[in-house]
Amino acid sequence: MKVKSDRTLDCLGLYCPEPVFRTRMELDDIKAGEILEVLADDPAAEADIRSLVKHLEQEIVSVSRDGNTVRILIKKVK
């Protein structure tokens, strides 16, 4: 099943801590139940964003890779 995101955050070309900082700001800005798609190519982005999502008690819906690009879908739970 293809999950549709409500908003896309393009962090391609940005390096730590920018992708995590921007993800946090977007999560603060969306409503509960919405899905944020984050695209990043920083090697540390996946681990950093997973840690942020866990810390904020949100939910990772899926993580996929295409070459150097990681696509992370995050559902805002509350």
C-alpha atoms as a PDB file:
ATOM      1  CA  MET A   1       0.000   0.000   0.000  1.00  0.00           C
ATOM      2  CA  LYS A   2       1.331   3.405  -1.002  1.00  0.00           C
ATOM      3  CA  VAL A   3       1.056   5.896   1.833  1.00  0.00           C
ATOM      4  CA  LYS A   4       0.291   9.465   0.797  1.00  0.00           C
ATOM      5  CA  SER A   5       2.012  12.226   2.691  1.00  0.00           C
ATOM      6  CA  ASP A   6       0.267  15.450   3.678  1.00  0.00           C
ATOM      7  CA  ARG A   7       3.473  17.448   3.416  1.00  0.00           C
ATOM      8  CA  THR A   8       6.961  16.921   1.959  1.00  0.00           C
ATOM      9  CA  LEU A   9      10.132  18.298   3.511  1.00  0.00           C
ATOM     10  CA  ASP A  10      13.049  18.353   1.052  1.00  0.00           C
ATOM     11  CA  CYS A  11      16.352  18.265   2.962  1.00  0.00           C
ATOM     12  CA  LEU A  12      18.456  17.132  -0.002  1.00  0.00           C
ATOM     13  CA  GLY A  13      21.883  18.774   0.092  1.00  0.00           C
ATOM     14  CA  LEU A  14      21.505  19.747   3.758  1.00  0.00           C
ATOM     15  CA  TYR A  15      23.762  18.337   6.457  1.00  0.00           C
ATOM     16  CA  CYS A  16      23.494  17.728  10.181  1.00  0.00           C
ATOM     17  CA  PRO A  17      21.868  19.247  12.133  1.00  0.00           C
ATOM     18  CA  GLU A  18      19.700  20.939   9.477  1.00  0.00           C
ATOM     19  CA  PRO A  19      17.509  17.923   8.430  1.00  0.00           C
ATOM     20  CA  VAL A  20      16.650  17.107  12.071  1.00  0.00           C
ATOM     21  CA  PHE A  21      16.033  20.764  12.952  1.00  0.00           C
ATOM     22  CA  ARG A  22      13.718  21.243   9.948  1.00  0.00           C
ATOM     23  CA  THR A  23      11.918  17.938  10.616  1.00  0.00           C
ATOM     24  CA  ARG A  24      11.225  19.076  14.176  1.00  0.00           C
ATOM     25  CA  MET A  25       9.815  22.392  12.966  1.00  0.00           C
ATOM     26  CA  GLU A  26       7.563  20.670  10.395  1.00  0.00           C
ATOM     27  CA  LEU A  27       6.283  18.167  12.976  1.00  0.00           C
ATOM     28  CA  ASP A  28       5.423  21.069  15.287  1.00  0.00           C
ATOM     29  CA  ASP A  29       3.494  22.662  12.413  1.00  0.00           C
ATOM     30  CA  ILE A  30       1.320  19.737  11.236  1.00  0.00           C
ATOM     31  CA  LYS A  31      -1.816  18.317  12.849  1.00  0.00           C
ATOM     32  CA  ALA A  32      -2.177  14.952  14.597  1.00  0.00           C
ATOM     33  CA  GLY A  33      -2.908  12.227  12.058  1.00  0.00           C
ATOM     34  CA  GLU A  34      -1.027  13.948   9.225  1.00  0.00           C
ATOM     35  CA  ILE A  35       1.968  12.340   7.547  1.00  0.00           C
ATOM     36  CA  LEU A  36       5.221  14.151   6.871  1.00  0.00           C
ATOM     37  CA  GLU A  37       7.535  12.880   4.126  1.00  0.00           C
ATOM     38  CA  VAL A  38      11.202  13.756   4.680  1.00  0.00           C
ATOM     39  CA  LEU A  39      13.734  13.419   1.862  1.00  0.00           C
ATOM     40  CA  ALA A  40      17.400  13.602   2.848  1.00  0.00           C
ATOM     41  CA  ASP A  41      20.807  12.561   1.561  1.00  0.00           C
ATOM     42  CA  ASP A  42      22.911  13.278   4.652  1.00  0.00           C
ATOM     43  CA  PRO A  43      24.338   9.890   5.768  1.00  0.00           C
ATOM     44  CA  ALA A  44      23.403  10.663   9.394  1.00  0.00           C
ATOM     45  CA  ALA A  45      19.849  11.824   8.630  1.00  0.00           C
ATOM     46  CA  GLU A  46      18.079   8.463   8.969  1.00  0.00           C
ATOM     47  CA  ALA A  47      19.484   7.652  12.415  1.00  0.00           C
ATOM     48  CA  ASP A  48      19.088  11.239  13.625  1.00  0.00           C
ATOM     49  CA  ILE A  49      15.478  11.512  12.442  1.00  0.00           C
ATOM     50  CA  ARG A  50      14.593   8.083  13.908  1.00  0.00           C
ATOM     51  CA  SER A  51      15.957   9.287  17.246  1.00  0.00           C
ATOM     52  CA  LEU A  52      14.005  12.561  17.020  1.00  0.00           C
ATOM     53  CA  VAL A  53      10.741  10.769  16.173  1.00  0.00           C
ATOM     54  CA  LYS A  54      11.182   8.384  19.107  1.00  0.00           C
ATOM     55  CA  HIS A  55      11.987  11.287  21.442  1.00  0.00           C
ATOM     56  CA  LEU A  56       8.864  13.175  20.300  1.00  0.00           C
ATOM     57  CA  GLU A  57       6.752   9.983  20.617  1.00  0.00           C
ATOM     58  CA  GLN A  58       5.633  10.106  16.990  1.00  0.00           C
ATOM     59  CA  GLU A  59       5.482   7.172  14.543  1.00  0.00           C
ATOM     60  CA  ILE A  60       7.690   6.207  11.605  1.00  0.00           C
ATOM     61  CA  VAL A  61       5.418   4.753   8.936  1.00  0.00           C
ATOM     62  CA  SER A  62       8.160   3.720   6.518  1.00  0.00           C
ATOM     63  CA  VAL A  63      11.778   4.255   5.523  1.00  0.00           C
ATOM     64  CA  SER A  64      12.998   3.624   1.989  1.00  0.00           C
ATOM     65  CA  ARG A  65      16.187   4.318   0.082  1.00  0.00           C
ATOM     66  CA  ASP A  66      16.881   5.268  -3.506  1.00  0.00           C
ATOM     67  CA  GLY A  67      20.636   5.544  -3.982  1.00  0.00           C
ATOM     68  CA  ASN A  68      21.897   8.110  -1.468  1.00  0.00           C
ATOM     69  CA  THR A  69      18.422   9.480  -0.779  1.00  0.00           C
ATOM     70  CA  VAL A  70      16.411   8.281   2.200  1.00  0.00           C
ATOM     71  CA  ARG A  71      12.615   8.807   2.289  1.00  0.00           C
ATOM     72  CA  ILE A  72      11.087   8.750   5.747  1.00  0.00           C
ATOM     73  CA  LEU A  73       7.345   8.915   6.369  1.00  0.00           C
ATOM     74  CA  ILE A  74       6.416  10.142   9.838  1.00  0.00           C
ATOM     75  CA  LYS A  75       2.886  10.135  11.256  1.00  0.00           C
ATOM     76  CA  LYS A  76       2.162  12.766  13.871  1.00  0.00           C
ATOM     77  CA  VAL A  77       0.416  10.860  16.640  1.00  0.00           C
ATOM     78  CA  LYS A  78      -0.318  13.718  19.024  1.00  0.00           C
END
